[in-house]
């Protein structure tokens, strides 16, 4: 059974943040975020833009992303999403129309190795 996310944060369209963000739960970016993000479930909305170094469980991109995505279980690029930079993930999902201009490394981690 999946863990229910109860924490919710929003960076709205009139807000620009430059710095490091640590967040639990879901972070929705509808504004502009520059810097570094460490979180669980990050959603870049269609009007959102992120220029950052990101480490998260899941990131969904419907807007613009430029930067690096590290140690992420799932990256989802929606039909309106544009992603450039580098991606390191377990699973990459790309909707028709989504744009990827990035170095991509998709590797399943072997939890049985010691």
N, C-alpha and C. Protein backbone atom coordinates (compact mmCIF):
# COMPACT_ATOMS: atom_id res chain seq x y z
N UNK A 1 0.85 -1.17 0.00
CA UNK A 1 0.00 0.00 0.00
C UNK A 1 0.90 1.24 0.00
N UNK A 2 0.59 2.20 -0.87
CA UNK A 2 1.38 3.43 -0.98
C UNK A 2 1.12 4.34 0.21
N UNK A 3 2.17 5.03 0.61
CA UNK A 3 2.07 5.98 1.72
C UNK A 3 1.28 7.20 1.23
N UNK A 4 0.29 7.61 2.01
CA UNK A 4 -0.50 8.77 1.66
C UNK A 4 0.27 10.04 2.01
N UNK A 5 0.38 10.95 1.03
CA UNK A 5 1.07 12.20 1.27
C UNK A 5 0.10 13.20 1.88
N UNK A 6 0.45 13.72 3.05
CA UNK A 6 -0.44 14.65 3.72
C UNK A 6 0.09 16.08 3.68
N UNK A 7 1.39 16.27 3.48
CA UNK A 7 1.95 17.60 3.42
C UNK A 7 1.84 18.14 2.01
N UNK A 8 1.57 19.45 1.90
CA UNK A 8 1.34 20.07 0.61
C UNK A 8 1.91 21.49 0.64
N UNK A 9 2.72 21.84 -0.35
CA UNK A 9 3.29 23.18 -0.46
C UNK A 9 3.08 23.70 -1.87
N UNK A 10 2.94 25.03 -2.00
CA UNK A 10 2.66 25.64 -3.30
C UNK A 10 3.52 26.87 -3.50
N UNK A 11 4.19 26.91 -4.63
CA UNK A 11 4.88 28.12 -5.08
C UNK A 11 4.03 28.64 -6.22
N UNK A 12 3.28 29.71 -5.95
CA UNK A 12 2.30 30.18 -6.92
C UNK A 12 2.93 31.08 -7.98
N UNK A 13 2.13 31.44 -8.99
CA UNK A 13 2.63 32.12 -10.18
C UNK A 13 3.28 33.47 -9.91
N UNK A 14 2.93 34.14 -8.84
CA UNK A 14 3.52 35.45 -8.56
C UNK A 14 4.75 35.36 -7.67
N UNK A 15 5.23 34.14 -7.39
CA UNK A 15 6.32 33.94 -6.46
C UNK A 15 7.56 33.38 -7.16
N UNK A 16 8.72 33.99 -6.88
CA UNK A 16 10.00 33.48 -7.35
C UNK A 16 10.87 33.21 -6.12
N UNK A 17 11.44 32.02 -6.06
CA UNK A 17 12.29 31.64 -4.94
C UNK A 17 13.66 31.28 -5.49
N UNK A 18 14.70 31.79 -4.84
CA UNK A 18 16.08 31.49 -5.20
C UNK A 18 16.77 30.97 -3.94
N UNK A 19 17.11 29.68 -3.92
CA UNK A 19 17.74 29.11 -2.73
C UNK A 19 17.56 27.61 -2.67
N UNK A 20 17.65 27.07 -1.46
CA UNK A 20 17.50 25.64 -1.23
C UNK A 20 16.18 25.37 -0.53
N UNK A 21 15.44 24.38 -1.04
CA UNK A 21 14.15 24.00 -0.46
C UNK A 21 14.21 22.53 -0.06
N UNK A 22 13.83 22.25 1.18
CA UNK A 22 13.64 20.89 1.69
C UNK A 22 12.14 20.77 1.94
N UNK A 23 11.50 19.77 1.34
CA UNK A 23 10.06 19.65 1.54
C UNK A 23 9.65 18.19 1.66
N UNK A 24 8.59 17.99 2.44
CA UNK A 24 7.96 16.68 2.57
C UNK A 24 6.62 16.75 1.86
N UNK A 25 6.14 15.63 1.42
CA UNK A 25 4.85 15.61 0.74
C UNK A 25 4.97 16.13 -0.67
N UNK A 26 3.93 16.82 -1.11
CA UNK A 26 3.85 17.31 -2.48
C UNK A 26 4.19 18.79 -2.54
N UNK A 27 5.08 19.15 -3.47
CA UNK A 27 5.41 20.54 -3.75
C UNK A 27 4.95 20.84 -5.17
N UNK A 28 4.06 21.82 -5.32
CA UNK A 28 3.60 22.23 -6.64
C UNK A 28 4.22 23.58 -6.96
N UNK A 29 4.90 23.64 -8.10
CA UNK A 29 5.56 24.87 -8.53
C UNK A 29 4.79 25.44 -9.71
N UNK A 30 4.14 26.58 -9.47
CA UNK A 30 3.43 27.29 -10.52
C UNK A 30 4.12 28.62 -10.80
N UNK A 31 5.14 28.94 -9.98
CA UNK A 31 5.93 30.14 -10.16
C UNK A 31 7.31 29.76 -10.68
N UNK A 32 8.35 30.42 -10.15
CA UNK A 32 9.72 30.16 -10.58
C UNK A 32 10.56 29.79 -9.37
N UNK A 33 11.34 28.73 -9.51
CA UNK A 33 12.20 28.26 -8.44
C UNK A 33 13.60 28.06 -9.00
N UNK A 34 14.59 28.66 -8.34
CA UNK A 34 15.99 28.52 -8.75
C UNK A 34 16.79 28.05 -7.56
N UNK A 35 17.71 27.11 -7.78
CA UNK A 35 18.57 26.67 -6.68
C UNK A 35 18.63 25.17 -6.54
N UNK A 36 18.17 24.68 -5.38
CA UNK A 36 18.26 23.25 -5.06
C UNK A 36 16.97 22.82 -4.36
N UNK A 37 16.46 21.63 -4.75
CA UNK A 37 15.25 21.08 -4.13
C UNK A 37 15.55 19.67 -3.66
N UNK A 38 15.20 19.39 -2.42
CA UNK A 38 15.25 18.03 -1.87
C UNK A 38 13.85 17.75 -1.37
N UNK A 39 13.18 16.76 -1.97
CA UNK A 39 11.79 16.52 -1.59
C UNK A 39 11.30 15.15 -1.95
N UNK A 40 9.99 14.99 -1.81
CA UNK A 40 9.35 13.70 -2.09
C UNK A 40 8.66 13.70 -3.45
N UNK A 41 7.62 14.52 -3.59
CA UNK A 41 6.81 14.53 -4.80
C UNK A 41 6.75 15.97 -5.31
N UNK A 42 7.44 16.23 -6.41
CA UNK A 42 7.51 17.58 -6.96
C UNK A 42 6.74 17.63 -8.27
N UNK A 43 5.88 18.64 -8.38
CA UNK A 43 5.08 18.84 -9.59
C UNK A 43 5.39 20.23 -10.13
N UNK A 44 5.89 20.29 -11.34
CA UNK A 44 6.09 21.58 -12.01
C UNK A 44 4.88 21.77 -12.91
N UNK A 45 4.02 22.72 -12.53
CA UNK A 45 2.78 22.97 -13.27
C UNK A 45 3.11 23.58 -14.64
N UNK A 46 2.10 23.64 -15.50
CA UNK A 46 2.29 24.09 -16.87
C UNK A 46 2.91 25.49 -16.96
N UNK A 47 2.58 26.36 -16.03
CA UNK A 47 3.13 27.73 -16.04
C UNK A 47 4.36 27.85 -15.14
N UNK A 48 4.78 26.75 -14.51
CA UNK A 48 5.91 26.77 -13.59
C UNK A 48 7.24 26.59 -14.31
N UNK A 49 8.30 27.10 -13.67
CA UNK A 49 9.66 26.96 -14.20
C UNK A 49 10.61 26.67 -13.04
N UNK A 50 11.43 25.65 -13.21
CA UNK A 50 12.41 25.27 -12.19
C UNK A 50 13.77 25.20 -12.86
N UNK A 51 14.73 25.91 -12.26
CA UNK A 51 16.13 25.91 -12.68
C UNK A 51 16.91 25.45 -11.45
N UNK A 52 17.14 24.14 -11.34
CA UNK A 52 17.62 23.64 -10.05
C UNK A 52 18.31 22.29 -10.16
N UNK A 53 18.93 21.94 -9.06
CA UNK A 53 19.48 20.62 -8.80
C UNK A 53 18.45 19.93 -7.90
N UNK A 54 17.85 18.83 -8.38
CA UNK A 54 16.72 18.22 -7.69
C UNK A 54 17.03 16.78 -7.28
N UNK A 55 16.68 16.46 -6.04
CA UNK A 55 16.67 15.09 -5.55
C UNK A 55 15.28 14.85 -4.97
N UNK A 56 14.55 13.89 -5.51
CA UNK A 56 13.17 13.65 -5.08
C UNK A 56 12.78 12.21 -5.38
N UNK A 57 11.68 11.77 -4.79
CA UNK A 57 11.15 10.44 -5.11
C UNK A 57 10.51 10.46 -6.49
N UNK A 58 9.69 11.49 -6.73
CA UNK A 58 8.97 11.63 -8.00
C UNK A 58 8.97 13.08 -8.42
N UNK A 59 9.17 13.32 -9.72
CA UNK A 59 9.03 14.67 -10.26
C UNK A 59 8.20 14.59 -11.53
N UNK A 60 7.16 15.42 -11.60
CA UNK A 60 6.29 15.52 -12.78
C UNK A 60 6.51 16.89 -13.39
N UNK A 61 6.75 16.93 -14.70
CA UNK A 61 7.09 18.18 -15.37
C UNK A 61 6.04 18.48 -16.43
N UNK A 62 5.24 19.52 -16.18
CA UNK A 62 4.28 20.00 -17.18
C UNK A 62 4.71 21.37 -17.70
N UNK A 63 5.65 22.00 -16.98
CA UNK A 63 6.17 23.31 -17.37
C UNK A 63 7.60 23.17 -17.86
N UNK A 64 8.49 24.05 -17.37
CA UNK A 64 9.87 24.07 -17.82
C UNK A 64 10.81 23.65 -16.69
N UNK A 65 11.75 22.75 -17.01
CA UNK A 65 12.78 22.34 -16.07
C UNK A 65 14.14 22.44 -16.75
N UNK A 66 15.08 23.10 -16.08
CA UNK A 66 16.48 23.11 -16.51
C UNK A 66 17.33 22.81 -15.29
N UNK A 67 18.20 21.81 -15.41
CA UNK A 67 19.06 21.47 -14.28
C UNK A 67 19.38 20.00 -14.24
N UNK A 68 19.56 19.50 -13.03
CA UNK A 68 19.92 18.09 -12.81
C UNK A 68 18.91 17.44 -11.89
N UNK A 69 18.50 16.23 -12.26
CA UNK A 69 17.62 15.41 -11.44
C UNK A 69 18.43 14.18 -11.02
N UNK A 70 18.56 13.97 -9.70
CA UNK A 70 19.40 12.88 -9.17
C UNK A 70 18.57 11.89 -8.36
N UNK A 71 18.97 10.63 -8.39
CA UNK A 71 18.45 9.60 -7.49
C UNK A 71 16.94 9.66 -7.34
N UNK A 72 16.25 9.77 -8.46
CA UNK A 72 14.79 9.89 -8.45
C UNK A 72 14.19 8.59 -8.94
N UNK A 73 13.13 8.15 -8.25
CA UNK A 73 12.47 6.91 -8.65
C UNK A 73 11.76 7.07 -9.99
N UNK A 74 10.99 8.16 -10.12
CA UNK A 74 10.18 8.31 -11.32
C UNK A 74 10.17 9.76 -11.80
N UNK A 75 10.47 9.95 -13.08
CA UNK A 75 10.38 11.25 -13.72
C UNK A 75 9.29 11.15 -14.79
N UNK A 76 8.32 12.06 -14.71
CA UNK A 76 7.20 12.07 -15.65
C UNK A 76 7.24 13.40 -16.39
N UNK A 77 7.37 13.35 -17.70
CA UNK A 77 7.35 14.56 -18.51
C UNK A 77 6.05 14.54 -19.31
N UNK A 78 5.18 15.48 -18.97
CA UNK A 78 3.86 15.55 -19.59
C UNK A 78 3.94 16.22 -20.95
N UNK A 79 2.84 16.22 -21.68
CA UNK A 79 2.83 16.71 -23.06
C UNK A 79 3.23 18.17 -23.19
N UNK A 80 3.06 18.96 -22.14
CA UNK A 80 3.43 20.38 -22.18
C UNK A 80 4.80 20.63 -21.54
N UNK A 81 5.46 19.57 -21.07
CA UNK A 81 6.71 19.71 -20.35
C UNK A 81 7.93 19.83 -21.25
N UNK A 82 8.90 20.62 -20.77
CA UNK A 82 10.18 20.78 -21.45
C UNK A 82 11.26 20.55 -20.40
N UNK A 83 12.15 19.60 -20.66
CA UNK A 83 13.17 19.23 -19.69
C UNK A 83 14.54 19.27 -20.36
N UNK A 84 15.48 20.02 -19.77
CA UNK A 84 16.84 20.04 -20.28
C UNK A 84 17.81 19.94 -19.11
N UNK A 85 18.97 19.35 -19.39
CA UNK A 85 19.99 19.17 -18.36
C UNK A 85 20.39 17.72 -18.25
N UNK A 86 20.24 17.13 -17.06
CA UNK A 86 20.57 15.72 -16.86
C UNK A 86 19.54 15.07 -15.94
N UNK A 87 19.26 13.79 -16.22
CA UNK A 87 18.27 13.03 -15.46
C UNK A 87 18.90 11.71 -15.05
N UNK A 88 18.81 11.38 -13.77
CA UNK A 88 19.21 10.07 -13.26
C UNK A 88 18.01 9.54 -12.48
N UNK A 89 17.39 8.47 -13.01
CA UNK A 89 16.16 7.98 -12.40
C UNK A 89 16.04 6.47 -12.59
N UNK A 90 15.04 5.90 -11.91
CA UNK A 90 14.71 4.50 -12.13
C UNK A 90 13.80 4.36 -13.35
N UNK A 91 12.80 5.25 -13.46
CA UNK A 91 11.81 5.16 -14.52
C UNK A 91 11.57 6.55 -15.12
N UNK A 92 11.55 6.63 -16.44
CA UNK A 92 11.23 7.86 -17.15
C UNK A 92 9.98 7.62 -17.99
N UNK A 93 8.96 8.46 -17.77
CA UNK A 93 7.73 8.38 -18.56
C UNK A 93 7.61 9.66 -19.37
N UNK A 94 7.40 9.54 -20.67
CA UNK A 94 7.32 10.69 -21.56
C UNK A 94 6.02 10.66 -22.34
N UNK A 95 5.17 11.65 -22.08
CA UNK A 95 3.92 11.77 -22.84
C UNK A 95 4.22 12.30 -24.23
N UNK A 96 3.42 11.93 -25.24
CA UNK A 96 3.60 12.50 -26.57
C UNK A 96 3.51 14.03 -26.51
N UNK A 97 4.47 14.69 -27.12
CA UNK A 97 4.52 16.15 -27.10
C UNK A 97 5.50 16.69 -26.08
N UNK A 98 5.83 15.90 -25.07
CA UNK A 98 6.82 16.32 -24.08
C UNK A 98 8.20 16.39 -24.72
N UNK A 99 9.02 17.34 -24.28
CA UNK A 99 10.34 17.55 -24.88
C UNK A 99 11.43 17.25 -23.85
N UNK A 100 12.40 16.42 -24.27
CA UNK A 100 13.55 16.10 -23.43
C UNK A 100 14.81 16.43 -24.20
N UNK A 101 15.58 17.35 -23.65
CA UNK A 101 16.89 17.70 -24.21
C UNK A 101 17.90 17.54 -23.08
N UNK A 102 18.10 16.28 -22.67
CA UNK A 102 18.89 16.02 -21.47
C UNK A 102 19.68 14.73 -21.63
N UNK A 103 20.75 14.64 -20.84
CA UNK A 103 21.45 13.37 -20.69
C UNK A 103 20.61 12.55 -19.73
N UNK A 104 20.24 11.33 -20.15
CA UNK A 104 19.33 10.52 -19.35
C UNK A 104 20.00 9.20 -18.98
N UNK A 105 19.91 8.85 -17.69
CA UNK A 105 20.40 7.58 -17.19
C UNK A 105 19.28 6.95 -16.37
N UNK A 106 18.69 5.88 -16.89
CA UNK A 106 17.61 5.18 -16.20
C UNK A 106 18.13 3.82 -15.76
N UNK A 107 18.28 3.67 -14.47
CA UNK A 107 18.81 2.43 -13.91
C UNK A 107 17.97 2.00 -12.72
N UNK A 108 17.56 0.76 -12.73
CA UNK A 108 16.92 0.19 -11.55
C UNK A 108 18.00 -0.16 -10.55
N UNK A 109 17.83 0.27 -9.34
CA UNK A 109 18.79 -0.07 -8.30
C UNK A 109 18.55 -1.49 -7.85
N UNK A 110 19.63 -2.24 -7.70
CA UNK A 110 19.53 -3.61 -7.24
C UNK A 110 19.63 -3.63 -5.72
N UNK A 111 18.49 -3.79 -5.06
CA UNK A 111 18.45 -3.78 -3.59
C UNK A 111 19.03 -5.05 -2.98
N UNK A 112 19.29 -6.07 -3.81
CA UNK A 112 19.83 -7.32 -3.29
C UNK A 112 21.36 -7.31 -3.19
N UNK A 113 22.01 -6.31 -3.81
CA UNK A 113 23.46 -6.23 -3.73
C UNK A 113 23.89 -5.76 -2.35
N UNK A 114 25.01 -6.30 -1.88
CA UNK A 114 25.51 -5.91 -0.56
C UNK A 114 26.88 -5.37 -0.66
